[in-house]
C-alpha atoms as a PDB file:
ATOM      1  CA  MET A   1      -0.120   0.033  -0.015  1.00  0.00           C
ATOM      2  CA  ASN A   2       1.361   3.227  -1.227  1.00  0.00           C
ATOM      3  CA  ALA A   3       1.892   6.183   1.587  1.00  0.00           C
ATOM      4  CA  GLN A   4       0.094   8.898   0.689  1.00  0.00           C
ATOM      5  CA  ARG A   5       1.771  11.935  -0.443  1.00  0.00           C
ATOM      6  CA  PRO A   6       1.161  15.392   1.149  1.00  0.00           C
ATOM      7  CA  ASP A   7      -0.847  17.964  -0.368  1.00  0.00           C
ATOM      8  CA  ARG A   8       0.259  21.298  -1.241  1.00  0.00           C
ATOM      9  CA  ASN A   9      -0.690  22.836   2.330  1.00  0.00           C
ATOM     10  CA  GLN A  10       0.574  19.711   3.947  1.00  0.00           C
ATOM     11  CA  ALA A  11       4.097  19.988   2.519  1.00  0.00           C
ATOM     12  CA  ARG A  12       4.077  24.114   3.298  1.00  0.00           C
ATOM     13  CA  GLU A  13       3.299  23.306   6.754  1.00  0.00           C
ATOM     14  CA  LEU A  14       6.128  20.759   7.168  1.00  0.00           C
ATOM     15  CA  ALA A  15       8.701  23.025   5.828  1.00  0.00           C
ATOM     16  CA  ARG A  16       7.774  25.668   8.122  1.00  0.00           C
ATOM     17  CA  GLU A  17       7.981  22.919  11.219  1.00  0.00           C
ATOM     18  CA  LYS A  18      11.469  22.199   9.833  1.00  0.00           C
ATOM     19  CA  ALA A  19      12.498  25.779   9.588  1.00  0.00           C
ATOM     20  CA  ARG A  20      11.378  26.296  12.945  1.00  0.00           C
ATOM     21  CA  GLU A  21      13.328  23.221  14.234  1.00  0.00           C
ATOM     22  CA  MET A  22      16.541  24.468  12.689  1.00  0.00           C
ATOM     23  CA  ARG A  23      16.055  28.129  13.910  1.00  0.00           C
ATOM     24  CA  LEU A  24      15.444  26.478  17.579  1.00  0.00           C
ATOM     25  CA  LYS A  25      18.600  24.419  17.276  1.00  0.00           C
ATOM     26  CA  GLY A  26      20.683  27.642  16.249  1.00  0.00           C
ATOM     27  CA  SER A  27      19.131  29.568  18.731  1.00  0.00           C
ATOM     28  CA  ALA A  28      20.362  26.950  21.438  1.00  0.00           C
ATOM     29  CA  ARG A  29      24.185  26.577  19.712  1.00  0.00           C
ATOM     30  CA  GLU A  30      24.055  30.642  19.766  1.00  0.00           C
ATOM     31  CA  LYS A  31      23.378  30.766  23.322  1.00  0.00           C
ATOM     32  CA  ARG A  32      25.906  27.862  24.244  1.00  0.00           C
ATOM     33  CA  ASN A  33      28.641  29.397  22.428  1.00  0.00           C
ATOM     34  CA  ARG A  34      27.726  32.678  23.936  1.00  0.00           C
ATOM     35  CA  PHE A  35      27.741  31.016  27.562  1.00  0.00           C
ATOM     36  CA  PHE A  36      31.199  29.445  26.816  1.00  0.00           C
ATOM     37  CA  ILE A  37      32.668  32.831  25.660  1.00  0.00           C
ATOM     38  CA  GLN A  38      31.288  34.571  28.850  1.00  0.00           C
ATOM     39  CA  LEU A  39      32.692  32.085  30.930  1.00  0.00           C
ATOM     40  CA  SER A  40      35.835  32.407  29.098  1.00  0.00           C
ATOM     41  CA  LEU A  41      35.952  36.237  29.549  1.00  0.00           C
ATOM     42  CA  GLY A  42      35.069  35.713  33.068  1.00  0.00           C
ATOM     43  CA  VAL A  43      38.134  33.520  33.841  1.00  0.00           C
ATOM     44  CA  THR A  44      40.269  35.980  32.123  1.00  0.00           C
ATOM     45  CA  ALA A  45      38.751  38.914  33.806  1.00  0.00           C
ATOM     46  CA  LEU A  46      39.379  37.404  37.008  1.00  0.00           C
ATOM     47  CA  THR A  47      43.015  36.296  36.067  1.00  0.00           C
ATOM     48  CA  VAL A  48      43.699  40.076  35.351  1.00  0.00           C
ATOM     49  CA  ILE A  49      41.835  41.083  38.349  1.00  0.00           C
ATOM     50  CA  GLY A  50      44.212  38.599  40.584  1.00  0.00           C
ATOM     51  CA  VAL A  51      47.288  39.792  38.780  1.00  0.00           C
ATOM     52  CA  LEU A  52      46.622  43.642  39.275  1.00  0.00           C
ATOM     53  CA  ALA A  53      45.555  42.728  43.028  1.00  0.00           C
ATOM     54  CA  THR A  54      48.897  41.218  43.641  1.00  0.00           C
ATOM     55  CA  VAL A  55      50.708  44.114  41.749  1.00  0.00           C
ATOM     56  CA  ILE A  56      48.819  46.610  43.894  1.00  0.00           C
ATOM     57  CA  LEU A  57      49.184  44.586  46.865  1.00  0.00           C
ATOM     58  CA  SER A  58      53.173  44.322  46.619  1.00  0.00           C
ATOM     59  CA  GLY A  59      53.176  47.738  45.957  1.00  0.00           C
ATOM     60  CA  LEU A  60      51.187  48.543  49.353  1.00  0.00           C
ATOM     61  CA  GLN A  61      54.008  46.445  51.221  1.00  0.00           C
ATOM     62  CA  PRO A  62      55.688  48.668  53.583  1.00  0.00           C
ATOM     63  CA  ALA A  63      59.003  49.497  52.973  1.00  0.00           C
ATOM     64  CA  GLY A  64      61.671  48.652  55.278  1.00  0.00           C
ATOM     65  CA  PRO A  65      63.271  51.113  57.932  1.00  0.00           C
ATOM     66  CA  GLY A  66      66.186  52.778  56.831  1.00  0.00           C
ATOM     67  CA  PRO A  67      70.148  51.904  58.069  1.00  0.00           C
ATOM     68  CA  LEU A  68      71.132  52.741  61.615  1.00  0.00           C
ATOM     69  CA  ASN A  69      73.052  55.904  61.659  1.00  0.00           C
ATOM     70  CA  MET A  70      71.097  57.484  58.968  1.00  0.00           C
ATOM     71  CA  GLN A  71      67.878  58.846  60.889  1.00  0.00           C
ATOM     72  CA  SER A  72      68.536  62.092  58.752  1.00  0.00           C
ATOM     73  CA  ASP A  73      68.655  60.165  55.581  1.00  0.00           C
ATOM     74  CA  GLY A  74      72.279  60.780  55.932  1.00  0.00           C
ATOM     75  CA  ILE A  75      75.025  60.007  58.286  1.00  0.00           C
ATOM     76  CA  LYS A  76      77.030  62.546  60.372  1.00  0.00           C
ATOM     77  CA  ILE A  77      80.856  62.152  60.291  1.00  0.00           C
ATOM     78  CA  GLY A  78      83.464  63.995  62.561  1.00  0.00           C
ATOM     79  CA  ALA A  79      87.066  63.996  63.663  1.00  0.00           C
ATOM     80  CA  GLY A  80      88.636  60.708  63.326  1.00  0.00           C
ATOM     81  CA  ASN A  81      85.978  59.592  60.594  1.00  0.00           C
ATOM     82  CA  VAL A  82      83.729  58.522  63.742  1.00  0.00           C
ATOM     83  CA  ALA A  83      80.184  58.629  62.964  1.00  0.00           C
ATOM     84  CA  VAL A  84      77.382  59.804  65.187  1.00  0.00           C
ATOM     85  CA  GLN A  85      74.989  56.776  66.072  1.00  0.00           C
ATOM     86  CA  THR A  86      71.473  57.311  65.816  1.00  0.00           C
ATOM     87  CA  PRO A  87      68.489  54.882  65.437  1.00  0.00           C
ATOM     88  CA  ALA A  88      67.365  53.680  62.007  1.00  0.00           C
ATOM     89  CA  LEU A  89      64.680  55.731  60.499  1.00  0.00           C
ATOM     90  CA  GLU A  90      61.082  54.057  60.509  1.00  0.00           C
ATOM     91  CA  ALA A  91      59.783  52.871  57.108  1.00  0.00           C
ATOM     92  CA  ASP A  92      58.217  55.824  55.308  1.00  0.00           C
ATOM     93  CA  ALA A  93      58.746  58.429  58.215  1.00  0.00           C
ATOM     94  CA  SER A  94      60.422  61.998  57.621  1.00  0.00           C
ATOM     95  CA  PRO A  95      63.834  62.286  58.435  1.00  0.00           C
ATOM     96  CA  VAL A  96      65.184  63.516  61.604  1.00  0.00           C
ATOM     97  CA  ALA A  97      67.790  66.292  62.040  1.00  0.00           C
ATOM     98  CA  THR A  98      70.950  64.715  63.556  1.00  0.00           C
ATOM     99  CA  PRO A  99      72.011  66.177  66.950  1.00  0.00           C
ATOM    100  CA  ALA A 100      73.755  69.890  66.386  1.00  0.00           C
ATOM    101  CA  ASN A 101      77.475  70.394  66.294  1.00  0.00           C
ATOM    102  CA  ALA A 102      78.814  72.549  69.347  1.00  0.00           C
ATOM    103  CA  GLU A 103      78.503  76.126  68.579  1.00  0.00           C
ATOM    104  CA  ASP A 104      81.764  76.361  66.760  1.00  0.00           C
ATOM    105  CA  VAL A 105      81.850  73.448  64.450  1.00  0.00           C
ATOM    106  CA  VAL A 106      80.651  74.073  60.924  1.00  0.00           C
ATOM    107  CA  GLU A 107      78.147  71.375  59.546  1.00  0.00           C
ATOM    108  CA  ILE A 108      78.665  70.538  56.033  1.00  0.00           C
ATOM    109  CA  ALA A 109      75.765  68.706  54.401  1.00  0.00           C
ATOM    110  CA  LEU A 110      76.479  66.412  50.878  1.00  0.00           C
ATOM    111  CA  TRP A 111      73.791  64.854  48.775  1.00  0.00           C
ATOM    112  CA  VAL A 112      75.815  62.965  46.190  1.00  0.00           C
ATOM    113  CA  ASP A 113      74.990  59.966  43.477  1.00  0.00           C
ATOM    114  CA  TYR A 114      77.938  57.366  43.205  1.00  0.00           C
ATOM    115  CA  LEU A 115      77.491  57.177  39.470  1.00  0.00           C
ATOM    116  CA  CYS A 116      77.564  61.139  39.489  1.00  0.00           C
ATOM    117  CA  PRO A 117      80.737  62.321  37.363  1.00  0.00           C
ATOM    118  CA  ILE A 118      80.221  65.814  38.741  1.00  0.00           C
ATOM    119  CA  CYS A 119      80.256  64.383  42.299  1.00  0.00           C
ATOM    120  CA  ARG A 120      83.734  62.572  41.600  1.00  0.00           C
ATOM    121  CA  GLN A 121      85.140  66.151  40.559  1.00  0.00           C
ATOM    122  CA  PHE A 122      83.844  67.721  43.454  1.00  0.00           C
ATOM    123  CA  GLU A 123      85.597  64.837  46.001  1.00  0.00           C
ATOM    124  CA  GLU A 124      88.766  65.003  44.039  1.00  0.00           C
ATOM    125  CA  ALA A 125      89.106  68.820  44.472  1.00  0.00           C
ATOM    126  CA  ASN A 126      87.462  68.736  48.038  1.00  0.00           C
ATOM    127  CA  SER A 127      88.000  65.408  49.872  1.00  0.00           C
ATOM    128  CA  ALA A 128      91.393  66.365  51.373  1.00  0.00           C
ATOM    129  CA  ALA A 129      90.043  69.856  52.376  1.00  0.00           C
ATOM    130  CA  ILE A 130      87.560  67.865  54.208  1.00  0.00           C
ATOM    131  CA  ALA A 131      89.544  65.276  55.920  1.00  0.00           C
ATOM    132  CA  GLU A 132      91.699  68.230  57.263  1.00  0.00           C
ATOM    133  CA  LEU A 133      88.496  69.950  58.754  1.00  0.00           C
ATOM    134  CA  LEU A 134      87.366  66.683  60.160  1.00  0.00           C
ATOM    135  CA  SER A 135      90.863  66.051  61.672  1.00  0.00           C
ATOM    136  CA  LEU A 136      90.963  69.663  63.088  1.00  0.00           C
ATOM    137  CA  GLY A 137      87.524  69.036  64.552  1.00  0.00           C
ATOM    138  CA  ALA A 138      86.456  72.485  62.582  1.00  0.00           C
ATOM    139  CA  ALA A 139      83.660  70.457  61.049  1.00  0.00           C
ATOM    140  CA  THR A 140      81.674  67.585  60.484  1.00  0.00           C
ATOM    141  CA  ILE A 141      80.148  65.926  57.187  1.00  0.00           C
ATOM    142  CA  GLU A 142      76.881  64.602  56.854  1.00  0.00           C
ATOM    143  CA  ILE A 143      76.571  62.472  53.335  1.00  0.00           C
ATOM    144  CA  HIS A 144      73.401  61.812  51.862  1.00  0.00           C
ATOM    145  CA  PRO A 145      73.924  58.762  49.278  1.00  0.00           C
ATOM    146  CA  ILE A 146      70.540  58.919  46.429  1.00  0.00           C
ATOM    147  CA  ALA A 147      69.806  57.520  43.357  1.00  0.00           C
ATOM    148  CA  ILE A 148      69.046  59.743  40.763  1.00  0.00           C
ATOM    149  CA  LEU A 149      71.233  57.973  37.967  1.00  0.00           C
ATOM    150  CA  THR A 150      69.648  54.557  38.469  1.00  0.00           C
ATOM    151  CA  ASN A 151      68.844  54.068  34.509  1.00  0.00           C
ATOM    152  CA  ARG A 152      72.192  55.231  33.253  1.00  0.00           C
ATOM    153  CA  SER A 153      74.033  51.792  33.925  1.00  0.00           C
ATOM    154  CA  GLN A 154      72.690  49.514  31.066  1.00  0.00           C
ATOM    155  CA  GLY A 155      69.979  47.775  33.635  1.00  0.00           C
ATOM    156  CA  THR A 156      72.161  46.946  36.398  1.00  0.00           C
ATOM    157  CA  GLN A 157      70.897  50.050  38.495  1.00  0.00           C
ATOM    158  CA  TYR A 158      74.535  50.794  39.615  1.00  0.00           C
ATOM    159  CA  SER A 159      73.311  54.121  41.369  1.00  0.00           C
ATOM    160  CA  LEU A 160      70.500  52.267  43.333  1.00  0.00           C
ATOM    161  CA  ARG A 161      72.946  49.309  44.355  1.00  0.00           C
ATOM    162  CA  ALA A 162      75.827  51.451  45.369  1.00  0.00           C
ATOM    163  CA  ALA A 163      73.509  54.079  47.640  1.00  0.00           C
ATOM    164  CA  ASN A 164      72.441  50.469  49.139  1.00  0.00           C
ATOM    165  CA  ALA A 165      75.927  49.395  49.910  1.00  0.00           C
ATOM    166  CA  ALA A 166      76.490  52.632  51.622  1.00  0.00           C
ATOM    167  CA  GLY A 167      73.566  52.245  53.506  1.00  0.00           C
ATOM    168  CA  CYS A 168      74.863  48.549  54.575  1.00  0.00           C
ATOM    169  CA  VAL A 169      78.145  50.076  55.612  1.00  0.00           C
ATOM    170  CA  ALA A 170      76.531  52.799  57.796  1.00  0.00           C
ATOM    171  CA  ASN A 171      74.174  50.250  59.172  1.00  0.00           C
ATOM    172  CA  ASN A 172      76.926  47.969  60.408  1.00  0.00           C
ATOM    173  CA  TYR A 173      80.354  49.872  60.306  1.00  0.00           C
ATOM    174  CA  PRO A 174      79.608  53.611  60.461  1.00  0.00           C
ATOM    175  CA  ASN A 175      83.238  54.478  61.217  1.00  0.00           C
ATOM    176  CA  SER A 176      84.248  52.767  58.003  1.00  0.00           C
ATOM    177  CA  PHE A 177      81.799  54.939  56.044  1.00  0.00           C
ATOM    178  CA  LEU A 178      84.022  57.848  54.967  1.00  0.00           C
ATOM    179  CA  ASP A 179      86.692  55.482  53.647  1.00  0.00           C
ATOM    180  CA  PHE A 180      83.803  53.404  51.665  1.00  0.00           C
ATOM    181  CA  HIS A 181      82.671  57.006  50.516  1.00  0.00           C
ATOM    182  CA  ASN A 182      85.560  57.916  49.412  1.00  0.00           C
ATOM    183  CA  ALA A 183      86.529  54.577  47.569  1.00  0.00           C
ATOM    184  CA  LEU A 184      83.515  54.302  45.645  1.00  0.00           C
ATOM    185  CA  TYR A 185      84.650  57.564  43.916  1.00  0.00           C
ATOM    186  CA  LYS A 186      87.912  56.406  43.433  1.00  0.00           C
ATOM    187  CA  ASN A 187      86.726  53.249  41.626  1.00  0.00           C
ATOM    188  CA  GLN A 188      83.704  55.288  39.948  1.00  0.00           C
ATOM    189  CA  PRO A 189      82.471  53.419  36.650  1.00  0.00           C
ATOM    190  CA  GLU A 190      81.655  55.583  33.749  1.00  0.00           C
ATOM    191  CA  GLU A 191      78.174  56.916  33.117  1.00  0.00           C
ATOM    192  CA  GLY A 192      76.235  54.420  30.759  1.00  0.00           C
ATOM    193  CA  THR A 193      78.140  51.230  31.836  1.00  0.00           C
ATOM    194  CA  GLU A 194      76.950  48.498  33.631  1.00  0.00           C
ATOM    195  CA  GLY A 195      78.931  49.731  36.589  1.00  0.00           C
ATOM    196  CA  LEU A 196      80.525  47.758  39.562  1.00  0.00           C
ATOM    197  CA  THR A 197      79.047  44.389  40.621  1.00  0.00           C
ATOM    198  CA  ASP A 198      77.765  43.357  44.083  1.00  0.00           C
ATOM    199  CA  ASP A 199      80.767  41.400  44.519  1.00  0.00           C
ATOM    200  CA  GLN A 200      83.135  44.657  43.662  1.00  0.00           C
ATOM    201  CA  LEU A 201      80.988  46.764  46.214  1.00  0.00           C
ATOM    202  CA  ILE A 202      81.600  43.933  48.949  1.00  0.00           C
ATOM    203  CA  GLU A 203      85.363  44.037  48.272  1.00  0.00           C
ATOM    204  CA  LEU A 204      85.509  47.790  48.296  1.00  0.00           C
ATOM    205  CA  ALA A 205      83.530  47.795  51.578  1.00  0.00           C
ATOM    206  CA  THR A 206      85.869  45.107  53.056  1.00  0.00           C
ATOM    207  CA  SER A 207      88.844  47.152  52.156  1.00  0.00           C
ATOM    208  CA  ALA A 208      87.534  49.953  53.828  1.00  0.00           C
ATOM    209  CA  GLY A 209      86.800  48.250  56.936  1.00  0.00           C
ATOM    210  CA  ALA A 210      83.598  46.887  56.806  1.00  0.00           C
ATOM    211  CA  GLY A 211      83.092  43.207  57.982  1.00  0.00           C
ATOM    212  CA  PRO A 212      81.151  40.215  56.769  1.00  0.00           C
ATOM    213  CA  GLU A 213      77.816  41.543  57.642  1.00  0.00           C
ATOM    214  CA  VAL A 214      77.705  43.767  54.448  1.00  0.00           C
ATOM    215  CA  GLU A 215      78.265  40.788  52.289  1.00  0.00           C
ATOM    216  CA  SER A 216      74.301  39.641  52.508  1.00  0.00           C
ATOM    217  CA  CYS A 217      73.261  43.424  53.295  1.00  0.00           C
ATOM    218  CA  ILE A 218      74.498  44.328  49.576  1.00  0.00           C
ATOM    219  CA  ASN A 219      73.534  40.866  47.773  1.00  0.00           C
ATOM    220  CA  ASP A 220      69.977  41.258  49.173  1.00  0.00           C
ATOM    221  CA  GLY A 221      69.618  44.914  48.094  1.00  0.00           C
ATOM    222  CA  THR A 222      68.144  45.376  51.986  1.00  0.00           C
ATOM    223  CA  PHE A 223      68.241  49.255  52.113  1.00  0.00           C
ATOM    224  CA  LYS A 224      67.017  49.647  48.304  1.00  0.00           C
ATOM    225  CA  ASP A 225      63.794  50.761  49.339  1.00  0.00           C
ATOM    226  CA  TRP A 226      65.024  53.292  51.737  1.00  0.00           C
ATOM    227  CA  VAL A 227      67.258  54.545  48.877  1.00  0.00           C
ATOM    228  CA  LYS A 228      64.163  55.118  46.685  1.00  0.00           C
ATOM    229  CA  SER A 229      62.267  57.215  49.467  1.00  0.00           C
ATOM    230  CA  SER A 230      65.158  58.965  50.391  1.00  0.00           C
ATOM    231  CA  THR A 231      65.803  60.150  46.897  1.00  0.00           C
ATOM    232  CA  GLU A 232      61.893  60.904  46.529  1.00  0.00           C
ATOM    233  CA  ARG A 233      62.450  62.960  50.071  1.00  0.00           C
ATOM    234  CA  ALA A 234      65.519  64.838  48.795  1.00  0.00           C
ATOM    235  CA  ILE A 235      63.669  65.879  45.763  1.00  0.00           C
ATOM    236  CA  SER A 236      60.774  66.992  47.327  1.00  0.00           C
ATOM    237  CA  GLY A 237      62.677  68.959  49.937  1.00  0.00           C
ATOM    238  CA  ASP A 238      61.651  66.657  52.896  1.00  0.00           C
ATOM    239  CA  ILE A 239      64.985  67.524  54.329  1.00  0.00           C
ATOM    240  CA  ALA A 240      66.142  67.471  57.923  1.00  0.00           C
ATOM    241  CA  ILE A 241      69.102  69.736  58.241  1.00  0.00           C
ATOM    242  CA  ASN A 242      70.138  72.075  61.336  1.00  0.00           C
ATOM    243  CA  ASN A 243      69.463  75.638  60.549  1.00  0.00           C
ATOM    244  CA  LEU A 244      68.152  74.852  57.191  1.00  0.00           C
ATOM    245  CA  ASP A 245      67.575  77.619  55.080  1.00  0.00           C
ATOM    246  CA  LYS A 246      64.034  78.103  54.272  1.00  0.00           C
ATOM    247  CA  LYS A 247      64.283  78.955  50.548  1.00  0.00           C
ATOM    248  CA  PHE A 248      65.991  75.699  50.000  1.00  0.00           C
ATOM    249  CA  PRO A 249      63.915  74.143  47.357  1.00  0.00           C
ATOM    250  CA  GLY A 250      65.485  70.563  47.754  1.00  0.00           C
ATOM    251  CA  VAL A 251      67.795  68.705  45.956  1.00  0.00           C
ATOM    252  CA  THR A 252      67.924  69.342  42.127  1.00  0.00           C
ATOM    253  CA  GLY A 253      70.890  67.657  41.307  1.00  0.00           C
ATOM    254  CA  THR A 254      74.005  66.102  42.549  1.00  0.00           C
ATOM    255  CA  PRO A 255      76.330  66.874  44.052  1.00  0.00           C
ATOM    256  CA  THR A 256      74.425  69.271  46.208  1.00  0.00           C
ATOM    257  CA  VAL A 257      76.406  71.108  49.196  1.00  0.00           C
ATOM    258  CA  LEU A 258      75.028  72.808  52.022  1.00  0.00           C
ATOM    259  CA  ILE A 259      77.303  74.562  54.897  1.00  0.00           C
ATOM    260  CA  ASN A 260      75.546  75.533  58.168  1.00  0.00           C
ATOM    261  CA  GLY A 261      72.081  74.926  56.384  1.00  0.00           C
ATOM    262  CA  LYS A 262      72.760  77.379  53.264  1.00  0.00           C
ATOM    263  CA  GLN A 263      73.281  76.153  49.883  1.00  0.00           C
ATOM    264  CA  PHE A 264      76.963  76.671  48.863  1.00  0.00           C
ATOM    265  CA  ASN A 265      77.065  77.263  44.951  1.00  0.00           C
ATOM    266  CA  PRO A 266      80.390  77.329  43.358  1.00  0.00           C
ATOM    267  CA  SER A 267      81.613  79.340  40.538  1.00  0.00           C
ATOM    268  CA  TYR A 268      82.698  77.713  37.529  1.00  0.00           C
ATOM    269  CA  ASP A 269      85.470  78.453  35.553  1.00  0.00           C
ATOM    270  CA  PRO A 270      85.906  76.397  31.899  1.00  0.00           C
ATOM    271  CA  ALA A 271      89.634  77.236  31.925  1.00  0.00           C
ATOM    272  CA  ALA A 272      90.230  75.178  35.338  1.00  0.00           C
ATOM    273  CA  PRO A 273      90.623  71.488  34.963  1.00  0.00           C
ATOM    274  CA  LEU A 274      87.763  70.831  37.445  1.00  0.00           C
ATOM    275  CA  PRO A 275      84.759  72.859  38.232  1.00  0.00           C
ATOM    276  CA  PHE A 276      85.586  72.975  41.979  1.00  0.00           C
ATOM    277  CA  SER A 277      88.138  74.793  43.754  1.00  0.00           C
ATOM    278  CA  SER A 278      89.043  73.399  47.154  1.00  0.00           C
ATOM    279  CA  GLU A 279      90.132  77.391  48.062  1.00  0.00           C
ATOM    280  CA  GLU A 280      86.610  78.487  47.118  1.00  0.00           C
ATOM    281  CA  PHE A 281      85.199  75.666  49.496  1.00  0.00           C
ATOM    282  CA  LEU A 282      87.188  76.374  52.276  1.00  0.00           C
ATOM    283  CA  ARG A 283      86.462  80.039  52.064  1.00  0.00           C
ATOM    284  CA  ALA A 284      82.918  79.400  52.436  1.00  0.00           C
ATOM    285  CA  VAL A 285      83.161  77.182  55.196  1.00  0.00           C
ATOM    286  CA  VAL A 286      85.700  79.925  56.988  1.00  0.00           C
ATOM    287  CA  ALA A 287      82.811  82.349  56.409  1.00  0.00           C
ATOM    288  CA  ALA A 288      80.171  79.969  57.813  1.00  0.00           C
ATOM    289  CA  ALA A 289      82.415  79.456  60.913  1.00  0.00           C
ATOM    290  CA  GLY A 290      82.961  83.350  61.329  1.00  0.00           C
ATOM    291  CA  ALA A 291      79.099  84.029  61.218  1.00  0.00           C
ATOM    292  CA  GLN A 292      78.481  81.533  63.287  1.00  0.00           C
END
């Protein structure tokens, strides 16, 4: 018995039913695909949020305290290269001025970057005069290592590492600080080079009289966060120096020199082998002592 063929109306209805089924299947497939896309985007978003949260939270981790004997963000050194001992500066705290000198002792403050070639020129011109002033008990020098040239050493961050090393010496062997400071300039690398390695910094610190404690401190970068913070404070003018001139805007370059709280601005003679004169510097110190 032959099946009866659908008439034209029945065929049209069957076609409509088939099209409706196909639309329903297509709609279901679209919903399923959309669900998986949204799920994937949600997982990606959660991953991104997780990464951002990690970065933000790591950035919010409190920086460690500064080195011992650098509560002012610098270390003050007097006769016999003996440092004034102070507590460590608490993390993210404002610096505290080192106790004032006796009335007849001039206070010299110096901000330096150990990759700065002009700082080396200042040291070459004036280190002997400073040593004489210290030996006579006529002055103290307070040295503030900062890092403004961190990006000038082919990615090794020498400026930051050297300032950290200075903090390590100040923390553990403060009376060896000045010798280490001088050694960093005698062995200063050229700006734009990789700079000294951590092992070389450790060797210089040891030769200056520091002991084994500095090795892990230098290798671990113990005071890098402090160096970054102290550099920002120096630039912003958050400075703690006795008798600081209220007009002093903050450190705008290195070396920056203050004598009894007032900025020393040396003249520059292009004909001279160095842009600094020890005679001019000593005259400024004597003038400060006379005014005092």
